[in-house]
Amino acid sequence: MRPVERRWSCVALSSCTEARESRMSVHSKLEPARRTDRKRVLMMGTVISCGGSHRVRIRDFSNKGAQIVAESALEAKCDVLLKRGDLCAAAYVAWVKGDEVGLTFYRQIPPEDLAGI
């Protein structure tokens, strides 16, 4: 068997490039990189919201916020309390992607309080 030789015309290549470029998104404003040191953890906690109390796994946290995994649904853009041991922090649900939730604390947590978690 002889290998099949493929020849591409300039028109075919340019239309492929145009199709690929039309699928790309252009961002006018890039978000600055996070400058907060996040501590990766895997611990249980409780989130208290208007809908009740929810058991959560805390994936990471910093003095400004936390990423959690909720066992039950939480609404975005609502206020909650995150409890873990002696720590109780008022937070805002910044985003929800499936069962993953991003919290932003209303007040920064002092490093000595984070060390005790």
PDB file of N, CA and C in Angstrom:
ATOM      1  N   MET A   1       0.833  -1.184   0.000  1.00  0.00           N
ATOM      2  CA  MET A   1       0.000   0.000   0.000  1.00  0.00           C
ATOM      3  C   MET A   1       0.872   1.239   0.000  1.00  0.00           C
ATOM      4  N   ARG A   2       0.431   2.171  -0.733  1.00  0.00           N
ATOM      5  CA  ARG A   2       1.135   3.434  -0.814  1.00  0.00           C
ATOM      6  C   ARG A   2       0.486   4.433   0.123  1.00  0.00           C
ATOM      7  N   PRO A   3       1.268   5.198   0.930  1.00  0.00           N
ATOM      8  CA  PRO A   3       0.647   6.179   1.812  1.00  0.00           C
ATOM      9  C   PRO A   3      -0.069   7.255   1.010  1.00  0.00           C
ATOM     10  N   VAL A   4      -1.174   7.682   1.567  1.00  0.00           N
ATOM     11  CA  VAL A   4      -1.968   8.716   0.919  1.00  0.00           C
ATOM     12  C   VAL A   4      -1.335  10.069   1.216  1.00  0.00           C
ATOM     13  N   GLU A   5      -1.105  10.813   0.195  1.00  0.00           N
ATOM     14  CA  GLU A   5      -0.501  12.131   0.363  1.00  0.00           C
ATOM     15  C   GLU A   5      -1.630  13.154   0.480  1.00  0.00           C
ATOM     16  N   ARG A   6      -1.566  13.957   1.529  1.00  0.00           N
ATOM     17  CA  ARG A   6      -2.605  14.982   1.711  1.00  0.00           C
ATOM     18  C   ARG A   6      -2.037  16.330   1.323  1.00  0.00           C
ATOM     19  N   ARG A   7      -2.820  17.033   0.589  1.00  0.00           N
ATOM     20  CA  ARG A   7      -2.416  18.382   0.195  1.00  0.00           C
ATOM     21  C   ARG A   7      -3.477  19.344   0.707  1.00  0.00           C
ATOM     22  N   TRP A   8      -3.013  20.359   1.372  1.00  0.00           N
ATOM     23  CA  TRP A   8      -3.916  21.356   1.923  1.00  0.00           C
ATOM     24  C   TRP A   8      -3.806  22.624   1.096  1.00  0.00           C
ATOM     25  N   SER A   9      -4.931  23.142   0.766  1.00  0.00           N
ATOM     26  CA  SER A   9      -4.907  24.410   0.039  1.00  0.00           C
ATOM     27  C   SER A   9      -4.852  25.547   1.035  1.00  0.00           C
ATOM     28  N   CYS A  10      -4.388  26.686   0.598  1.00  0.00           N
ATOM     29  CA  CYS A  10      -4.328  27.865   1.472  1.00  0.00           C
ATOM     30  C   CYS A  10      -5.718  28.254   1.944  1.00  0.00           C
ATOM     31  N   VAL A  11      -6.713  28.063   1.105  1.00  0.00           N
ATOM     32  CA  VAL A  11      -8.079  28.422   1.473  1.00  0.00           C
ATOM     33  C   VAL A  11      -8.556  27.527   2.614  1.00  0.00           C
ATOM     34  N   ALA A  12      -8.278  26.243   2.534  1.00  0.00           N
ATOM     35  CA  ALA A  12      -8.712  25.312   3.577  1.00  0.00           C
ATOM     36  C   ALA A  12      -8.021  25.635   4.897  1.00  0.00           C
ATOM     37  N   LEU A  13      -6.722  25.928   4.843  1.00  0.00           N
ATOM     38  CA  LEU A  13      -5.999  26.259   6.064  1.00  0.00           C
ATOM     39  C   LEU A  13      -6.480  27.557   6.673  1.00  0.00           C
ATOM     40  N   SER A  14      -6.749  28.552   5.859  1.00  0.00           N
ATOM     41  CA  SER A  14      -7.198  29.833   6.408  1.00  0.00           C
ATOM     42  C   SER A  14      -8.582  29.708   7.026  1.00  0.00           C
ATOM     43  N   SER A  15      -9.453  28.877   6.445  1.00  0.00           N
ATOM     44  CA  SER A  15     -10.778  28.721   7.041  1.00  0.00           C
ATOM     45  C   SER A  15     -10.690  27.969   8.363  1.00  0.00           C
ATOM     46  N   CYS A  16      -9.747  27.023   8.493  1.00  0.00           N
ATOM     47  CA  CYS A  16      -9.553  26.325   9.770  1.00  0.00           C
ATOM     48  C   CYS A  16      -9.067  27.299  10.833  1.00  0.00           C
ATOM     49  N   THR A  17      -8.131  28.152  10.464  1.00  0.00           N
ATOM     50  CA  THR A  17      -7.606  29.142  11.400  1.00  0.00           C
ATOM     51  C   THR A  17      -8.695  30.104  11.828  1.00  0.00           C
ATOM     52  N   GLU A  18      -9.504  30.562  10.875  1.00  0.00           N
ATOM     53  CA  GLU A  18     -10.589  31.484  11.207  1.00  0.00           C
ATOM     54  C   GLU A  18     -11.601  30.827  12.137  1.00  0.00           C
ATOM     55  N   ALA A  19     -11.914  29.560  11.903  1.00  0.00           N
ATOM     56  CA  ALA A  19     -12.873  28.849  12.760  1.00  0.00           C
ATOM     57  C   ALA A  19     -12.318  28.710  14.163  1.00  0.00           C
ATOM     58  N   ARG A  20     -11.022  28.396  14.271  1.00  0.00           N
ATOM     59  CA  ARG A  20     -10.401  28.246  15.582  1.00  0.00           C
ATOM     60  C   ARG A  20     -10.388  29.583  16.313  1.00  0.00           C
ATOM     61  N   GLU A  21     -10.060  30.670  15.609  1.00  0.00           N
ATOM     62  CA  GLU A  21     -10.005  31.979  16.243  1.00  0.00           C
ATOM     63  C   GLU A  21     -11.377  32.453  16.697  1.00  0.00           C
ATOM     64  N   SER A  22     -12.433  32.059  15.976  1.00  0.00           N
ATOM     65  CA  SER A  22     -13.772  32.494  16.364  1.00  0.00           C
ATOM     66  C   SER A  22     -14.229  31.831  17.653  1.00  0.00           C
ATOM     67  N   ARG A  23     -13.625  30.677  18.013  1.00  0.00           N
ATOM     68  CA  ARG A  23     -13.980  30.005  19.256  1.00  0.00           C
ATOM     69  C   ARG A  23     -13.214  30.554  20.448  1.00  0.00           C
ATOM     70  N   MET A  24     -12.157  31.290  20.207  1.00  0.00           N
ATOM     71  CA  MET A  24     -11.363  31.847  21.301  1.00  0.00           C
ATOM     72  C   MET A  24     -12.090  33.029  21.915  1.00  0.00           C
ATOM     73  N   SER A  25     -11.893  33.200  23.203  1.00  0.00           N
ATOM     74  CA  SER A  25     -12.482  34.370  23.849  1.00  0.00           C
ATOM     75  C   SER A  25     -11.379  35.378  24.127  1.00  0.00           C
ATOM     76  N   VAL A  26     -11.756  36.621  24.096  1.00  0.00           N
ATOM     77  CA  VAL A  26     -10.805  37.688  24.355  1.00  0.00           C
ATOM     78  C   VAL A  26     -11.241  38.386  25.623  1.00  0.00           C
ATOM     79  N   HIS A  27     -10.348  38.476  26.582  1.00  0.00           N
ATOM     80  CA  HIS A  27     -10.651  39.122  27.848  1.00  0.00           C
ATOM     81  C   HIS A  27     -10.066  40.526  27.844  1.00  0.00           C
ATOM     82  N   SER A  28     -10.907  41.485  28.091  1.00  0.00           N
ATOM     83  CA  SER A  28     -10.414  42.852  28.098  1.00  0.00           C
ATOM     84  C   SER A  28      -9.722  43.191  29.404  1.00  0.00           C
ATOM     85  N   LYS A  29     -10.073  42.487  30.477  1.00  0.00           N
ATOM     86  CA  LYS A  29      -9.475  42.770  31.774  1.00  0.00           C
ATOM     87  C   LYS A  29      -9.040  41.463  32.418  1.00  0.00           C
ATOM     88  N   LEU A  30      -7.769  41.337  32.670  1.00  0.00           N
ATOM     89  CA  LEU A  30      -7.268  40.146  33.331  1.00  0.00           C
ATOM     90  C   LEU A  30      -7.258  40.377  34.828  1.00  0.00           C
ATOM     91  N   GLU A  31      -7.696  39.384  35.565  1.00  0.00           N
ATOM     92  CA  GLU A  31      -7.703  39.477  37.015  1.00  0.00           C
ATOM     93  C   GLU A  31      -6.280  39.373  37.537  1.00  0.00           C
ATOM     94  N   PRO A  32      -5.930  40.168  38.528  1.00  0.00           N
ATOM     95  CA  PRO A  32      -4.586  40.048  39.100  1.00  0.00           C
ATOM     96  C   PRO A  32      -4.436  38.715  39.827  1.00  0.00           C
ATOM     97  N   ALA A  33      -3.219  38.210  39.853  1.00  0.00           N
ATOM     98  CA  ALA A  33      -2.960  36.946  40.538  1.00  0.00           C
ATOM     99  C   ALA A  33      -3.216  37.104  42.030  1.00  0.00           C
ATOM    100  N   ARG A  34      -3.699  36.026  42.641  1.00  0.00           N
ATOM    101  CA  ARG A  34      -3.931  36.060  44.081  1.00  0.00           C
ATOM    102  C   ARG A  34      -2.613  36.242  44.806  1.00  0.00           C
ATOM    103  N   ARG A  35      -2.604  37.108  45.763  1.00  0.00           N
ATOM    104  CA  ARG A  35      -1.393  37.339  46.535  1.00  0.00           C
ATOM    105  C   ARG A  35      -1.533  36.796  47.946  1.00  0.00           C
ATOM    106  N   THR A  36      -2.674  36.216  48.246  1.00  0.00           N
ATOM    107  CA  THR A  36      -2.919  35.673  49.569  1.00  0.00           C
ATOM    108  C   THR A  36      -2.347  34.268  49.657  1.00  0.00           C
ATOM    109  N   ASP A  37      -1.608  33.995  50.719  1.00  0.00           N
ATOM    110  CA  ASP A  37      -1.116  32.639  50.939  1.00  0.00           C
ATOM    111  C   ASP A  37      -2.272  31.774  51.401  1.00  0.00           C
ATOM    112  N   ARG A  38      -2.538  30.726  50.644  1.00  0.00           N
ATOM    113  CA  ARG A  38      -3.601  29.803  51.000  1.00  0.00           C
ATOM    114  C   ARG A  38      -2.985  28.549  51.580  1.00  0.00           C
ATOM    115  N   LYS A  39      -3.621  28.046  52.611  1.00  0.00           N
ATOM    116  CA  LYS A  39      -3.148  26.826  53.258  1.00  0.00           C
ATOM    117  C   LYS A  39      -4.063  25.693  52.836  1.00  0.00           C
ATOM    118  N   ARG A  40      -3.496  24.676  52.175  1.00  0.00           N
ATOM    119  CA  ARG A  40      -4.275  23.529  51.740  1.00  0.00           C
ATOM    120  C   ARG A  40      -4.538  22.633  52.947  1.00  0.00           C
ATOM    121  N   VAL A  41      -5.794  22.331  53.175  1.00  0.00           N
ATOM    122  CA  VAL A  41      -6.182  21.484  54.293  1.00  0.00           C
ATOM    123  C   VAL A  41      -7.307  20.570  53.836  1.00  0.00           C
ATOM    124  N   LEU A  42      -7.635  19.620  54.645  1.00  0.00           N
ATOM    125  CA  LEU A  42      -8.817  18.795  54.417  1.00  0.00           C
ATOM    126  C   LEU A  42      -9.387  18.512  55.792  1.00  0.00           C
ATOM    127  N   MET A  43     -10.331  19.375  56.191  1.00  0.00           N
ATOM    128  CA  MET A  43     -10.932  19.236  57.514  1.00  0.00           C
ATOM    129  C   MET A  43     -12.415  19.538  57.427  1.00  0.00           C
ATOM    130  N   MET A  44     -13.148  19.074  58.409  1.00  0.00           N
ATOM    131  CA  MET A  44     -14.594  19.291  58.442  1.00  0.00           C
ATOM    132  C   MET A  44     -14.910  20.576  59.184  1.00  0.00           C
ATOM    133  N   GLY A  45     -16.019  21.180  58.815  1.00  0.00           N
ATOM    134  CA  GLY A  45     -16.498  22.383  59.475  1.00  0.00           C
ATOM    135  C   GLY A  45     -18.005  22.471  59.299  1.00  0.00           C
ATOM    136  N   THR A  46     -18.555  23.578  59.744  1.00  0.00           N
ATOM    137  CA  THR A  46     -19.998  23.815  59.623  1.00  0.00           C
ATOM    138  C   THR A  46     -20.217  25.209  59.064  1.00  0.00           C
ATOM    139  N   VAL A  47     -21.133  25.319  58.121  1.00  0.00           N
ATOM    140  CA  VAL A  47     -21.555  26.612  57.594  1.00  0.00           C
ATOM    141  C   VAL A  47     -23.001  26.813  58.013  1.00  0.00           C
ATOM    142  N   ILE A  48     -23.267  27.963  58.611  1.00  0.00           N
ATOM    143  CA  ILE A  48     -24.631  28.306  59.013  1.00  0.00           C
ATOM    144  C   ILE A  48     -25.125  29.398  58.082  1.00  0.00           C
ATOM    145  N   SER A  49     -26.236  29.123  57.409  1.00  0.00           N
ATOM    146  CA  SER A  49     -26.833  30.088  56.485  1.00  0.00           C
ATOM    147  C   SER A  49     -28.299  30.275  56.849  1.00  0.00           C
ATOM    148  N   CYS A  50     -28.979  31.103  56.086  1.00  0.00           N
ATOM    149  CA  CYS A  50     -30.426  31.294  56.313  1.00  0.00           C
ATOM    150  C   CYS A  50     -31.182  29.985  56.112  1.00  0.00           C
ATOM    151  N   GLY A  51     -30.632  29.104  55.270  1.00  0.00           N
ATOM    152  CA  GLY A  51     -31.272  27.822  54.996  1.00  0.00           C
ATOM    153  C   GLY A  51     -30.981  26.750  56.029  1.00  0.00           C
ATOM    154  N   GLY A  52     -30.160  27.057  57.021  1.00  0.00           N
ATOM    155  CA  GLY A  52     -29.853  26.079  58.056  1.00  0.00           C
ATOM    156  C   GLY A  52     -28.369  25.819  58.183  1.00  0.00           C
ATOM    157  N   SER A  53     -28.054  24.719  58.837  1.00  0.00           N
ATOM    158  CA  SER A  53     -26.675  24.334  59.106  1.00  0.00           C
ATOM    159  C   SER A  53     -26.232  23.287  58.084  1.00  0.00           C
ATOM    160  N   HIS A  54     -25.021  23.434  57.555  1.00  0.00           N
ATOM    161  CA  HIS A  54     -24.504  22.534  56.525  1.00  0.00           C
ATOM    162  C   HIS A  54     -23.126  22.029  56.939  1.00  0.00           C
ATOM    163  N   ARG A  55     -22.921  20.712  56.862  1.00  0.00           N
ATOM    164  CA  ARG A  55     -21.579  20.164  57.083  1.00  0.00           C
ATOM    165  C   ARG A  55     -20.772  20.403  55.817  1.00  0.00           C
ATOM    166  N   VAL A  56     -19.532  20.835  55.984  1.00  0.00           N
ATOM    167  CA  VAL A  56     -18.682  21.131  54.843  1.00  0.00           C
ATOM    168  C   VAL A  56     -17.281  20.576  55.074  1.00  0.00           C
ATOM    169  N   ARG A  57     -16.565  20.358  53.978  1.00  0.00           N
ATOM    170  CA  ARG A  57     -15.133  20.050  54.023  1.00  0.00           C
ATOM    171  C   ARG A  57     -14.408  21.322  53.616  1.00  0.00           C
ATOM    172  N   ILE A  58     -13.461  21.731  54.405  1.00  0.00           N
ATOM    173  CA  ILE A  58     -12.669  22.918  54.098  1.00  0.00           C
ATOM    174  C   ILE A  58     -11.461  22.446  53.305  1.00  0.00           C
ATOM    175  N   ARG A  59     -11.325  22.934  52.065  1.00  0.00           N
ATOM    176  CA  ARG A  59     -10.215  22.523  51.196  1.00  0.00           C
ATOM    177  C   ARG A  59      -8.989  23.391  51.410  1.00  0.00           C
ATOM    178  N   ASP A  60      -9.200  24.703  51.449  1.00  0.00           N
ATOM    179  CA  ASP A  60      -8.102  25.605  51.727  1.00  0.00           C
ATOM    180  C   ASP A  60      -8.658  26.862  52.373  1.00  0.00           C
ATOM    181  N   PHE A  61      -7.782  27.580  53.032  1.00  0.00           N
ATOM    182  CA  PHE A  61      -8.210  28.826  53.642  1.00  0.00           C
ATOM    183  C   PHE A  61      -7.032  29.787  53.736  1.00  0.00           C
ATOM    184  N   SER A  62      -7.368  31.036  53.883  1.00  0.00           N
ATOM    185  CA  SER A  62      -6.383  32.090  54.107  1.00  0.00           C
ATOM    186  C   SER A  62      -7.011  33.040  55.113  1.00  0.00           C
ATOM    187  N   ASN A  63      -6.342  34.134  55.373  1.00  0.00           N
ATOM    188  CA  ASN A  63      -6.930  35.099  56.303  1.00  0.00           C
ATOM    189  C   ASN A  63      -8.074  35.879  55.658  1.00  0.00           C
ATOM    190  N   LYS A  64      -8.248  35.751  54.337  1.00  0.00           N
ATOM    191  CA  LYS A  64      -9.298  36.485  53.626  1.00  0.00           C
ATOM    192  C   LYS A  64     -10.471  35.633  53.163  1.00  0.00           C
ATOM    193  N   GLY A  65     -10.309  34.308  53.134  1.00  0.00           N
ATOM    194  CA  GLY A  65     -11.399  33.480  52.638  1.00  0.00           C
ATOM    195  C   GLY A  65     -11.077  32.002  52.700  1.00  0.00           C
ATOM    196  N   ALA A  66     -12.000  31.206  52.156  1.00  0.00           N
ATOM    197  CA  ALA A  66     -11.841  29.751  52.172  1.00  0.00           C
ATOM    198  C   ALA A  66     -12.552  29.139  50.979  1.00  0.00           C
ATOM    199  N   GLN A  67     -12.075  27.969  50.568  1.00  0.00           N
ATOM    200  CA  GLN A  67     -12.771  27.169  49.577  1.00  0.00           C
ATOM    201  C   GLN A  67     -13.279  25.937  50.303  1.00  0.00           C
ATOM    202  N   ILE A  68     -14.574  25.673  50.145  1.00  0.00           N
ATOM    203  CA  ILE A  68     -15.191  24.555  50.846  1.00  0.00           C
ATOM    204  C   ILE A  68     -15.945  23.675  49.865  1.00  0.00           C
ATOM    205  N   VAL A  69     -16.250  22.470  50.308  1.00  0.00           N
ATOM    206  CA  VAL A  69     -17.120  21.554  49.558  1.00  0.00           C
ATOM    207  C   VAL A  69     -18.316  21.290  50.453  1.00  0.00           C
ATOM    208  N   ALA A  70     -19.501  21.644  49.967  1.00  0.00           N
ATOM    209  CA  ALA A  70     -20.726  21.527  50.760  1.00  0.00           C
ATOM    210  C   ALA A  70     -21.453  20.231  50.431  1.00  0.00           C
ATOM    211  N   GLU A  71     -21.955  19.574  51.458  1.00  0.00           N
ATOM    212  CA  GLU A  71     -22.731  18.349  51.261  1.00  0.00           C
ATOM    213  C   GLU A  71     -24.130  18.654  50.736  1.00  0.00           C
ATOM    214  N   SER A  72     -24.627  19.863  51.029  1.00  0.00           N
ATOM    215  CA  SER A  72     -25.919  20.298  50.500  1.00  0.00           C
ATOM    216  C   SER A  72     -25.739  21.669  49.854  1.00  0.00           C
ATOM    217  N   ALA A  73     -26.658  22.025  48.987  1.00  0.00           N
ATOM    218  CA  ALA A  73     -26.516  23.230  48.177  1.00  0.00           C
ATOM    219  C   ALA A  73     -26.517  24.517  49.006  1.00  0.00           C
ATOM    220  N   LEU A  74     -25.618  25.420  48.621  1.00  0.00           N
ATOM    221  CA  LEU A  74     -25.578  26.771  49.193  1.00  0.00           C
ATOM    222  C   LEU A  74     -25.834  27.757  48.068  1.00  0.00           C
ATOM    223  N   GLU A  75     -26.469  28.856  48.393  1.00  0.00           N
ATOM    224  CA  GLU A  75     -26.750  29.880  47.391  1.00  0.00           C
ATOM    225  C   GLU A  75     -25.592  30.863  47.303  1.00  0.00           C
ATOM    226  N   ALA A  76     -25.289  31.289  46.079  1.00  0.00           N
ATOM    227  CA  ALA A  76     -24.263  32.303  45.880  1.00  0.00           C
ATOM    228  C   ALA A  76     -24.791  33.656  46.345  1.00  0.00           C
ATOM    229  N   LYS A  77     -23.885  34.517  46.717  1.00  0.00           N
ATOM    230  CA  LYS A  77     -24.176  35.892  47.108  1.00  0.00           C
ATOM    231  C   LYS A  77     -25.048  35.987  48.362  1.00  0.00           C
ATOM    232  N   CYS A  78     -24.803  35.112  49.321  1.00  0.00           N
ATOM    233  CA  CYS A  78     -25.516  35.198  50.593  1.00  0.00           C
ATOM    234  C   CYS A  78     -24.504  35.212  51.732  1.00  0.00           C
ATOM    235  N   ASP A  79     -24.943  35.579  52.901  1.00  0.00           N
ATOM    236  CA  ASP A  79     -24.092  35.641  54.081  1.00  0.00           C
ATOM    237  C   ASP A  79     -24.163  34.337  54.853  1.00  0.00           C
ATOM    238  N   VAL A  80     -23.010  33.910  55.378  1.00  0.00           N
ATOM    239  CA  VAL A  80     -22.936  32.671  56.143  1.00  0.00           C
ATOM    240  C   VAL A  80     -21.956  32.853  57.299  1.00  0.00           C
ATOM    241  N   LEU A  81     -21.982  31.894  58.205  1.00  0.00           N
ATOM    242  CA  LEU A  81     -20.966  31.787  59.252  1.00  0.00           C
ATOM    243  C   LEU A  81     -20.231  30.477  59.040  1.00  0.00           C
ATOM    244  N   LEU A  82     -18.902  30.527  59.052  1.00  0.00           N
ATOM    245  CA  LEU A  82     -18.083  29.331  58.955  1.00  0.00           C
ATOM    246  C   LEU A  82     -17.548  29.023  60.341  1.00  0.00           C
ATOM    247  N   LYS A  83     -17.843  27.808  60.829  1.00  0.00           N
ATOM    248  CA  LYS A  83     -17.387  27.391  62.160  1.00  0.00           C
ATOM    249  C   LYS A  83     -16.465  26.196  62.026  1.00  0.00           C
ATOM    250  N   ARG A  84     -15.344  26.290  62.733  1.00  0.00           N
ATOM    251  CA  ARG A  84     -14.397  25.183  62.825  1.00  0.00           C
ATOM    252  C   ARG A  84     -13.676  25.334  64.160  1.00  0.00           C
ATOM    253  N   GLY A  85     -13.944  24.435  65.098  1.00  0.00           N
ATOM    254  CA  GLY A  85     -13.336  24.536  66.420  1.00  0.00           C
ATOM    255  C   GLY A  85     -13.745  25.832  67.098  1.00  0.00           C
ATOM    256  N   ASP A  86     -12.774  26.594  67.586  1.00  0.00           N
ATOM    257  CA  ASP A  86     -13.055  27.873  68.234  1.00  0.00           C
ATOM    258  C   ASP A  86     -13.257  29.013  67.247  1.00  0.00           C
ATOM    259  N   LEU A  87     -12.969  28.767  65.967  1.00  0.00           N
ATOM    260  CA  LEU A  87     -13.086  29.812  64.951  1.00  0.00           C
ATOM    261  C   LEU A  87     -14.522  29.930  64.461  1.00  0.00           C
ATOM    262  N   CYS A  88     -15.023  31.154  64.419  1.00  0.00           N
ATOM    263  CA  CYS A  88     -16.336  31.440  63.839  1.00  0.00           C
ATOM    264  C   CYS A  88     -16.177  32.714  63.021  1.00  0.00           C
ATOM    265  N   ALA A  89     -16.310  32.611  61.691  1.00  0.00           N
ATOM    266  CA  ALA A  89     -16.047  33.748  60.806  1.00  0.00           C
ATOM    267  C   ALA A  89     -17.261  34.059  59.945  1.00  0.00           C
ATOM    268  N   ALA A  90     -17.665  35.328  59.935  1.00  0.00           N
ATOM    269  CA  ALA A  90     -18.739  35.780  59.047  1.00  0.00           C
ATOM    270  C   ALA A  90     -18.169  35.888  57.638  1.00  0.00           C
ATOM    271  N   ALA A  91     -18.899  35.362  56.657  1.00  0.00           N
ATOM    272  CA  ALA A  91     -18.395  35.328  55.285  1.00  0.00           C
ATOM    273  C   ALA A  91     -19.516  35.565  54.286  1.00  0.00           C
ATOM    274  N   TYR A  92     -19.096  35.850  53.075  1.00  0.00           N
ATOM    275  CA  TYR A  92     -19.968  36.073  51.933  1.00  0.00           C
ATOM    276  C   TYR A  92     -19.693  34.951  50.940  1.00  0.00           C
ATOM    277  N   VAL A  93     -20.726  34.317  50.402  1.00  0.00           N
ATOM    278  CA  VAL A  93     -20.544  33.270  49.395  1.00  0.00           C
ATOM    279  C   VAL A  93     -20.261  33.971  48.072  1.00  0.00           C
ATOM    280  N   ALA A  94     -18.993  33.957  47.672  1.00  0.00           N
ATOM    281  CA  ALA A  94     -18.565  34.676  46.472  1.00  0.00           C
ATOM    282  C   ALA A  94     -18.921  33.925  45.195  1.00  0.00           C
ATOM    283  N   TRP A  95     -18.808  32.590  45.217  1.00  0.00           N
ATOM    284  CA  TRP A  95     -19.121  31.795  44.034  1.00  0.00           C
ATOM    285  C   TRP A  95     -19.500  30.373  44.439  1.00  0.00           C
ATOM    286  N   VAL A  96     -20.250  29.730  43.557  1.00  0.00           N
ATOM    287  CA  VAL A  96     -20.639  28.330  43.740  1.00  0.00           C
ATOM    288  C   VAL A  96     -20.466  27.636  42.398  1.00  0.00           C
ATOM    289  N   LYS A  97     -19.712  26.541  42.379  1.00  0.00           N
ATOM    290  CA  LYS A  97     -19.540  25.715  41.180  1.00  0.00           C
ATOM    291  C   LYS A  97     -19.810  24.278  41.588  1.00  0.00           C
ATOM    292  N   GLY A  98     -21.028  23.825  41.372  1.00  0.00           N
ATOM    293  CA  GLY A  98     -21.417  22.480  41.801  1.00  0.00           C
ATOM    294  C   GLY A  98     -21.445  22.420  43.317  1.00  0.00           C
ATOM    295  N   ASP A  99     -20.642  21.524  43.900  1.00  0.00           N
ATOM    296  CA  ASP A  99     -20.607  21.436  45.358  1.00  0.00           C
ATOM    297  C   ASP A  99     -19.453  22.240  45.959  1.00  0.00           C
ATOM    298  N   GLU A 100     -18.647  22.883  45.110  1.00  0.00           N
ATOM    299  CA  GLU A 100     -17.540  23.720  45.584  1.00  0.00           C
ATOM    300  C   GLU A 100     -18.020  25.150  45.781  1.00  0.00           C
ATOM    301  N   VAL A 101     -17.570  25.753  46.882  1.00  0.00           N
ATOM    302  CA  VAL A 101     -18.045  27.086  47.260  1.00  0.00           C
ATOM    303  C   VAL A 101     -16.845  27.934  47.685  1.00  0.00           C
ATOM    304  N   GLY A 102     -16.819  29.174  47.223  1.00  0.00           N
ATOM    305  CA  GLY A 102     -15.784  30.116  47.621  1.00  0.00           C
ATOM    306  C   GLY A 102     -16.346  31.125  48.602  1.00  0.00           C
ATOM    307  N   LEU A 103     -15.706  31.252  49.757  1.00  0.00           N
ATOM    308  CA  LEU A 103     -16.140  32.193  50.786  1.00  0.00           C
ATOM    309  C   LEU A 103     -15.139  33.335  50.894  1.00  0.00           C
ATOM    310  N   THR A 104     -15.654  34.543  51.088  1.00  0.00           N
ATOM    311  CA  THR A 104     -14.830  35.710  51.373  1.00  0.00           C
ATOM    312  C   THR A 104     -15.204  36.200  52.759  1.00  0.00           C
ATOM    313  N   PHE A 105     -14.214  36.244  53.659  1.00  0.00           N
ATOM    314  CA  PHE A 105     -14.482  36.684  55.023  1.00  0.00           C
ATOM    315  C   PHE A 105     -14.700  38.191  55.058  1.00  0.00           C
ATOM    316  N   TYR A 106     -15.622  38.634  55.916  1.00  0.00           N
ATOM    317  CA  TYR A 106     -15.877  40.063  56.060  1.00  0.00           C
ATOM    318  C   TYR A 106     -14.729  40.764  56.781  1.00  0.00           C
ATOM    319  N   ARG A 107     -14.085  40.074  57.698  1.00  0.00           N
ATOM    320  CA  ARG A 107     -12.909  40.607  58.386  1.00  0.00           C
ATOM    321  C   ARG A 107     -11.775  39.615  58.237  1.00  0.00           C
ATOM    322  N   GLN A 108     -10.577  40.145  58.034  1.00  0.00           N
ATOM    323  CA  GLN A 108      -9.429  39.244  57.935  1.00  0.00           C
ATOM    324  C   GLN A 108      -9.217  38.544  59.260  1.00  0.00           C
ATOM    325  N   ILE A 109      -8.868  37.272  59.177  1.00  0.00           N
ATOM    326  CA  ILE A 109      -8.639  36.482  60.384  1.00  0.00           C
ATOM    327  C   ILE A 109      -7.171  36.628  60.776  1.00  0.00           C
ATOM    328  N   PRO A 110      -6.909  36.977  62.023  1.00  0.00           N
ATOM    329  CA  PRO A 110      -5.505  37.114  62.473  1.00  0.00           C
ATOM    330  C   PRO A 110      -4.757  35.781  62.328  1.00  0.00           C
ATOM    331  N   PRO A 111      -3.466  35.850  61.984  1.00  0.00           N
ATOM    332  CA  PRO A 111      -2.676  34.623  61.801  1.00  0.00           C
ATOM    333  C   PRO A 111      -2.680  33.711  63.032  1.00  0.00           C
ATOM    334  N   GLU A 112      -2.711  34.293  64.224  1.00  0.00           N
ATOM    335  CA  GLU A 112      -2.694  33.444  65.429  1.00  0.00           C
ATOM    336  C   GLU A 112      -3.996  32.639  65.555  1.00  0.00           C
ATOM    337  N   ASP A 113      -5.105  33.176  65.039  1.00  0.00           N
ATOM    338  CA  ASP A 113      -6.363  32.420  65.058  1.00  0.00           C
ATOM    339  C   ASP A 113      -6.346  31.303  64.010  1.00  0.00           C
ATOM    340  N   LEU A 114      -5.713  31.572  62.883  1.00  0.00           N
ATOM    341  CA  LEU A 114      -5.607  30.539  61.829  1.00  0.00           C
ATOM    342  C   LEU A 114      -4.696  29.407  62.257  1.00  0.00           C
ATOM    343  N   ALA A 115      -3.677  29.722  63.029  1.00  0.00           N
ATOM    344  CA  ALA A 115      -2.719  28.694  63.461  1.00  0.00           C
ATOM    345  C   ALA A 115      -3.378  27.661  64.354  1.00  0.00           C
ATOM    346  N   GLY A 116      -4.442  28.043  65.046  1.00  0.00           N
ATOM    347  CA  GLY A 116      -5.118  27.131  65.954  1.00  0.00           C
ATOM    348  C   GLY A 116      -6.093  26.184  65.299  1.00  0.00           C
ATOM    349  N   ILE A 117      -6.281  26.319  64.010  1.00  0.00           N
ATOM    350  CA  ILE A 117      -7.257  25.463  63.316  1.00  0.00           C
ATOM    351  C   ILE A 117      -6.677  24.105  63.062  1.00  0.00           C
TER     352      ILE A 117
END
